[in-house]
Amino acid sequence: MMEENCIFCKIIRGEIPSQKVYEDEWVYAFRDINPAAPTHILIVPKEHLASANALEEKHEALVGHILVCARKIAEEQGFAEYGYRIVNNCGENAGQTVFHLHFHVLSGAKFDRMV
């Protein structure tokens, strides 16, 4: 189910334009309009979930599917061998600004270790 006023739900419905790079029955992936790396793609589930805190056991296949899609996108876009980072921010204090679960796929730069 989608939320009427969620910006990502509006993008998925085609109400807001985006640069789509991948779509299937579960997810929609598009280029971030404010990239944090030379390649910055967002993978968004079509089901509206506010954050990772909304995930339940029934979403295990969805999250696994998202990670497989990240690999497919990296291969299709030509940066799989170069390397990439997959990031999910959960909650405002972690940097989440759009409250629809999404994963950032970043590449094209050498990233410092985070931990």
N, C-alpha and C. Protein backbone atom coordinates (compact mmCIF):
# COMPACT_ATOMS: atom_id res chain seq x y z
N MET A 1 0.84 -1.18 0.00
CA MET A 1 0.00 0.00 0.00
C MET A 1 0.89 1.25 0.00
N MET A 2 0.49 2.25 -0.75
CA MET A 2 1.25 3.50 -0.83
C MET A 2 0.55 4.59 -0.03
N GLU A 3 1.34 5.56 0.37
CA GLU A 3 0.84 6.72 1.10
C GLU A 3 0.60 7.86 0.12
N GLU A 4 -0.47 8.59 0.29
CA GLU A 4 -0.85 9.65 -0.64
C GLU A 4 0.19 10.76 -0.72
N ASN A 5 0.77 11.19 0.40
CA ASN A 5 1.65 12.35 0.42
C ASN A 5 3.14 12.03 0.49
N CYS A 6 3.50 10.76 0.41
CA CYS A 6 4.91 10.37 0.47
C CYS A 6 5.58 10.67 -0.87
N ILE A 7 6.70 11.38 -0.82
CA ILE A 7 7.39 11.75 -2.07
C ILE A 7 7.84 10.51 -2.85
N PHE A 8 8.31 9.48 -2.18
CA PHE A 8 8.74 8.28 -2.90
C PHE A 8 7.54 7.53 -3.49
N CYS A 9 6.43 7.51 -2.78
CA CYS A 9 5.22 6.90 -3.35
C CYS A 9 4.77 7.67 -4.59
N LYS A 10 4.90 8.99 -4.55
CA LYS A 10 4.55 9.81 -5.72
C LYS A 10 5.48 9.52 -6.89
N ILE A 11 6.77 9.32 -6.61
CA ILE A 11 7.73 8.97 -7.66
C ILE A 11 7.36 7.62 -8.27
N ILE A 12 7.06 6.64 -7.43
CA ILE A 12 6.69 5.31 -7.91
C ILE A 12 5.44 5.37 -8.78
N ARG A 13 4.47 6.19 -8.38
CA ARG A 13 3.22 6.33 -9.15
C ARG A 13 3.41 7.17 -10.42
N GLY A 14 4.58 7.80 -10.59
CA GLY A 14 4.83 8.61 -11.77
C GLY A 14 4.33 10.03 -11.66
N GLU A 15 3.93 10.46 -10.47
CA GLU A 15 3.44 11.82 -10.25
C GLU A 15 4.58 12.83 -10.17
N ILE A 16 5.76 12.36 -9.81
CA ILE A 16 6.97 13.17 -9.77
C ILE A 16 7.97 12.49 -10.69
N PRO A 17 8.60 13.24 -11.61
CA PRO A 17 9.55 12.60 -12.54
C PRO A 17 10.80 12.10 -11.83
N SER A 18 11.38 11.07 -12.40
CA SER A 18 12.63 10.51 -11.87
C SER A 18 13.41 9.88 -13.02
N GLN A 19 14.68 9.62 -12.76
CA GLN A 19 15.53 8.92 -13.73
C GLN A 19 15.58 7.45 -13.32
N LYS A 20 14.59 6.69 -13.77
CA LYS A 20 14.49 5.28 -13.40
C LYS A 20 15.66 4.50 -13.97
N VAL A 21 16.22 3.61 -13.12
CA VAL A 21 17.26 2.70 -13.59
C VAL A 21 16.81 1.24 -13.49
N TYR A 22 15.77 0.98 -12.70
CA TYR A 22 15.31 -0.41 -12.54
C TYR A 22 13.91 -0.39 -11.94
N GLU A 23 13.10 -1.36 -12.36
CA GLU A 23 11.78 -1.52 -11.75
C GLU A 23 11.34 -2.96 -11.93
N ASP A 24 10.70 -3.49 -10.90
CA ASP A 24 10.03 -4.78 -10.99
C ASP A 24 8.79 -4.71 -10.10
N GLU A 25 8.19 -5.84 -9.83
CA GLU A 25 6.93 -5.82 -9.07
C GLU A 25 7.11 -5.39 -7.61
N TRP A 26 8.34 -5.47 -7.07
CA TRP A 26 8.57 -5.15 -5.66
C TRP A 26 9.26 -3.82 -5.42
N VAL A 27 10.11 -3.38 -6.35
CA VAL A 27 10.93 -2.19 -6.10
C VAL A 27 10.97 -1.26 -7.31
N TYR A 28 11.36 -0.03 -7.01
CA TYR A 28 11.61 1.00 -8.02
C TYR A 28 12.94 1.63 -7.66
N ALA A 29 13.84 1.74 -8.64
CA ALA A 29 15.17 2.32 -8.38
C ALA A 29 15.39 3.49 -9.33
N PHE A 30 15.95 4.56 -8.78
CA PHE A 30 16.14 5.78 -9.58
C PHE A 30 17.35 6.55 -9.06
N ARG A 31 17.85 7.46 -9.90
CA ARG A 31 19.00 8.28 -9.52
C ARG A 31 18.58 9.35 -8.52
N ASP A 32 19.41 9.53 -7.50
CA ASP A 32 19.16 10.55 -6.48
C ASP A 32 19.35 11.94 -7.10
N ILE A 33 18.45 12.87 -6.82
CA ILE A 33 18.57 14.22 -7.40
C ILE A 33 19.61 15.07 -6.67
N ASN A 34 20.06 14.60 -5.52
CA ASN A 34 21.09 15.31 -4.75
C ASN A 34 22.18 14.29 -4.41
N PRO A 35 22.96 13.84 -5.41
CA PRO A 35 23.87 12.71 -5.19
C PRO A 35 25.00 13.00 -4.20
N ALA A 36 25.29 11.98 -3.40
CA ALA A 36 26.39 12.04 -2.44
C ALA A 36 27.64 11.38 -3.00
N ALA A 37 27.57 10.86 -4.22
CA ALA A 37 28.69 10.19 -4.89
C ALA A 37 28.45 10.33 -6.39
N PRO A 38 29.48 10.11 -7.21
CA PRO A 38 29.28 10.19 -8.66
C PRO A 38 28.11 9.32 -9.17
N THR A 39 27.94 8.15 -8.59
CA THR A 39 26.77 7.32 -8.86
C THR A 39 26.01 7.18 -7.55
N HIS A 40 24.75 7.58 -7.55
CA HIS A 40 23.91 7.52 -6.35
C HIS A 40 22.51 7.13 -6.78
N ILE A 41 22.17 5.89 -6.51
CA ILE A 41 20.88 5.32 -6.90
C ILE A 41 20.12 4.94 -5.64
N LEU A 42 18.82 5.22 -5.63
CA LEU A 42 17.96 4.84 -4.52
C LEU A 42 17.12 3.64 -4.94
N ILE A 43 17.06 2.64 -4.08
CA ILE A 43 16.18 1.49 -4.29
C ILE A 43 15.07 1.59 -3.25
N VAL A 44 13.84 1.66 -3.75
CA VAL A 44 12.69 1.92 -2.88
C VAL A 44 11.67 0.79 -3.06
N PRO A 45 11.24 0.15 -1.97
CA PRO A 45 10.16 -0.83 -2.14
C PRO A 45 8.87 -0.14 -2.52
N LYS A 46 8.06 -0.81 -3.33
CA LYS A 46 6.78 -0.23 -3.73
C LYS A 46 5.79 -0.20 -2.58
N GLU A 47 5.96 -1.08 -1.62
CA GLU A 47 5.14 -1.05 -0.41
C GLU A 47 5.67 0.06 0.48
N HIS A 48 4.79 0.92 0.96
CA HIS A 48 5.23 2.00 1.84
C HIS A 48 5.52 1.43 3.23
N LEU A 49 6.77 1.52 3.62
CA LEU A 49 7.23 1.18 4.97
C LEU A 49 8.04 2.39 5.42
N ALA A 50 7.75 2.95 6.57
CA ALA A 50 8.37 4.21 6.99
C ALA A 50 9.89 4.09 7.15
N SER A 51 10.36 2.98 7.66
CA SER A 51 11.80 2.81 7.89
C SER A 51 12.08 1.34 8.15
N ALA A 52 13.32 1.01 8.42
CA ALA A 52 13.68 -0.37 8.76
C ALA A 52 12.97 -0.81 10.03
N ASN A 53 12.58 0.13 10.87
CA ASN A 53 11.85 -0.23 12.09
C ASN A 53 10.46 -0.79 11.79
N ALA A 54 9.95 -0.59 10.60
CA ALA A 54 8.64 -1.12 10.22
C ALA A 54 8.73 -2.54 9.65
N LEU A 55 9.96 -3.03 9.45
CA LEU A 55 10.13 -4.36 8.87
C LEU A 55 9.71 -5.45 9.85
N GLU A 56 9.07 -6.47 9.30
CA GLU A 56 8.67 -7.65 10.07
C GLU A 56 9.19 -8.89 9.35
N GLU A 57 9.01 -10.04 9.97
CA GLU A 57 9.49 -11.28 9.36
C GLU A 57 8.94 -11.45 7.95
N LYS A 58 7.71 -10.99 7.70
CA LYS A 58 7.11 -11.14 6.38
C LYS A 58 7.85 -10.35 5.30
N HIS A 59 8.75 -9.43 5.70
CA HIS A 59 9.50 -8.60 4.75
C HIS A 59 10.89 -9.15 4.45
N GLU A 60 11.24 -10.33 4.99
CA GLU A 60 12.57 -10.88 4.77
C GLU A 60 12.87 -11.05 3.29
N ALA A 61 11.93 -11.57 2.52
CA ALA A 61 12.15 -11.77 1.09
C ALA A 61 12.33 -10.42 0.39
N LEU A 62 11.59 -9.41 0.80
CA LEU A 62 11.70 -8.08 0.19
C LEU A 62 13.09 -7.50 0.40
N VAL A 63 13.60 -7.57 1.61
CA VAL A 63 14.93 -7.02 1.90
C VAL A 63 16.01 -7.79 1.14
N GLY A 64 15.90 -9.10 1.10
CA GLY A 64 16.84 -9.88 0.31
C GLY A 64 16.75 -9.52 -1.17
N HIS A 65 15.55 -9.32 -1.66
CA HIS A 65 15.34 -8.92 -3.05
C HIS A 65 16.00 -7.58 -3.33
N ILE A 66 15.90 -6.64 -2.41
CA ILE A 66 16.51 -5.33 -2.59
C ILE A 66 18.02 -5.46 -2.73
N LEU A 67 18.65 -6.30 -1.91
CA LEU A 67 20.10 -6.48 -1.99
C LEU A 67 20.50 -7.15 -3.31
N VAL A 68 19.71 -8.09 -3.78
CA VAL A 68 19.99 -8.71 -5.07
C VAL A 68 19.82 -7.68 -6.18
N CYS A 69 18.81 -6.84 -6.07
CA CYS A 69 18.60 -5.77 -7.07
C CYS A 69 19.78 -4.81 -7.08
N ALA A 70 20.34 -4.51 -5.91
CA ALA A 70 21.52 -3.63 -5.85
C ALA A 70 22.66 -4.23 -6.67
N ARG A 71 22.87 -5.54 -6.55
CA ARG A 71 23.91 -6.20 -7.33
C ARG A 71 23.59 -6.15 -8.82
N LYS A 72 22.34 -6.41 -9.19
CA LYS A 72 21.94 -6.36 -10.60
C LYS A 72 22.15 -4.97 -11.17
N ILE A 73 21.74 -3.97 -10.43
CA ILE A 73 21.90 -2.58 -10.88
C ILE A 73 23.38 -2.25 -11.05
N ALA A 74 24.20 -2.66 -10.09
CA ALA A 74 25.65 -2.40 -10.18
C ALA A 74 26.23 -3.04 -11.43
N GLU A 75 25.80 -4.25 -11.74
CA GLU A 75 26.29 -4.92 -12.95
C GLU A 75 25.79 -4.20 -14.20
N GLU A 76 24.49 -3.90 -14.25
CA GLU A 76 23.90 -3.25 -15.43
C GLU A 76 24.47 -1.85 -15.68
N GLN A 77 24.77 -1.14 -14.60
CA GLN A 77 25.29 0.22 -14.71
C GLN A 77 26.81 0.26 -14.85
N GLY A 78 27.47 -0.90 -14.71
CA GLY A 78 28.90 -1.00 -14.97
C GLY A 78 29.82 -0.63 -13.82
N PHE A 79 29.32 -0.66 -12.58
CA PHE A 79 30.22 -0.33 -11.47
C PHE A 79 30.38 -1.46 -10.46
N ALA A 80 29.90 -2.65 -10.78
CA ALA A 80 30.00 -3.77 -9.84
C ALA A 80 31.46 -4.10 -9.52
N GLU A 81 32.30 -4.15 -10.54
CA GLU A 81 33.71 -4.49 -10.33
C GLU A 81 34.46 -3.36 -9.61
N TYR A 82 34.04 -2.14 -9.83
CA TYR A 82 34.70 -0.99 -9.20
C TYR A 82 34.45 -0.99 -7.69
N GLY A 83 33.26 -1.37 -7.31
CA GLY A 83 32.88 -1.39 -5.91
C GLY A 83 31.76 -0.39 -5.64
N TYR A 84 30.98 -0.68 -4.62
CA TYR A 84 29.87 0.18 -4.26
C TYR A 84 29.49 -0.03 -2.80
N ARG A 85 28.77 0.93 -2.30
CA ARG A 85 28.31 0.90 -0.91
C ARG A 85 26.78 0.91 -0.93
N ILE A 86 26.19 0.12 -0.05
CA ILE A 86 24.73 0.09 0.13
C ILE A 86 24.46 0.63 1.54
N VAL A 87 23.62 1.67 1.62
CA VAL A 87 23.36 2.33 2.89
C VAL A 87 21.86 2.44 3.14
N ASN A 88 21.46 2.20 4.38
CA ASN A 88 20.09 2.47 4.82
C ASN A 88 20.18 3.30 6.09
N ASN A 89 19.52 4.43 6.09
CA ASN A 89 19.44 5.27 7.28
C ASN A 89 18.09 5.01 7.94
N CYS A 90 18.10 4.72 9.23
CA CYS A 90 16.87 4.39 9.94
C CYS A 90 16.65 5.43 11.04
N GLY A 91 15.73 6.34 10.78
CA GLY A 91 15.38 7.36 11.76
C GLY A 91 16.11 8.67 11.53
N GLU A 92 15.53 9.72 12.04
CA GLU A 92 16.05 11.07 11.84
C GLU A 92 17.48 11.23 12.34
N ASN A 93 17.80 10.67 13.51
CA ASN A 93 19.15 10.82 14.06
C ASN A 93 20.19 10.06 13.24
N ALA A 94 19.76 9.13 12.42
CA ALA A 94 20.68 8.40 11.55
C ALA A 94 20.78 9.04 10.17
N GLY A 95 20.04 10.13 9.95
CA GLY A 95 20.11 10.83 8.68
C GLY A 95 18.97 10.54 7.73
N GLN A 96 17.95 9.81 8.17
CA GLN A 96 16.82 9.54 7.28
C GLN A 96 16.00 10.82 7.13
N THR A 97 15.79 11.24 5.88
CA THR A 97 15.03 12.46 5.62
C THR A 97 13.71 12.20 4.91
N VAL A 98 13.60 11.07 4.21
CA VAL A 98 12.33 10.66 3.61
C VAL A 98 11.90 9.39 4.33
N PHE A 99 10.72 9.44 4.93
CA PHE A 99 10.27 8.32 5.75
C PHE A 99 9.47 7.32 4.94
N HIS A 100 10.19 6.75 3.99
CA HIS A 100 9.79 5.59 3.19
C HIS A 100 11.07 4.79 3.08
N LEU A 101 11.06 3.56 3.53
CA LEU A 101 12.25 2.71 3.51
C LEU A 101 12.94 2.81 2.16
N HIS A 102 14.25 3.02 2.16
CA HIS A 102 15.01 3.07 0.92
C HIS A 102 16.46 2.76 1.20
N PHE A 103 17.14 2.30 0.16
CA PHE A 103 18.55 1.96 0.25
C PHE A 103 19.31 2.77 -0.78
N HIS A 104 20.40 3.37 -0.36
CA HIS A 104 21.28 4.15 -1.24
C HIS A 104 22.34 3.20 -1.79
N VAL A 105 22.56 3.24 -3.10
CA VAL A 105 23.65 2.50 -3.73
C VAL A 105 24.60 3.57 -4.27
N LEU A 106 25.81 3.60 -3.71
CA LEU A 106 26.78 4.65 -4.01
C LEU A 106 28.03 4.04 -4.64
N SER A 107 28.54 4.72 -5.67
CA SER A 107 29.77 4.25 -6.31
C SER A 107 30.43 5.41 -7.04
N GLY A 108 31.63 5.15 -7.56
CA GLY A 108 32.34 6.14 -8.35
C GLY A 108 33.35 6.95 -7.56
N ALA A 109 33.52 6.62 -6.30
CA ALA A 109 34.50 7.30 -5.46
C ALA A 109 35.05 6.28 -4.48
N LYS A 110 36.21 6.57 -3.94
CA LYS A 110 36.75 5.71 -2.88
C LYS A 110 36.22 6.24 -1.56
N PHE A 111 35.53 5.39 -0.83
CA PHE A 111 34.90 5.80 0.42
C PHE A 111 35.80 5.46 1.61
N ASP A 112 35.79 6.33 2.59
CA ASP A 112 36.47 6.04 3.84
C ASP A 112 35.68 4.96 4.58
N ARG A 113 36.37 4.23 5.41
CA ARG A 113 35.67 3.24 6.24
C ARG A 113 34.74 3.97 7.19
N MET A 114 33.61 3.41 7.44
CA MET A 114 32.64 4.03 8.36
C MET A 114 32.81 3.48 9.78
N VAL A 115 33.27 2.24 9.89
CA VAL A 115 33.44 1.63 11.21
C VAL A 115 34.79 0.96 11.29
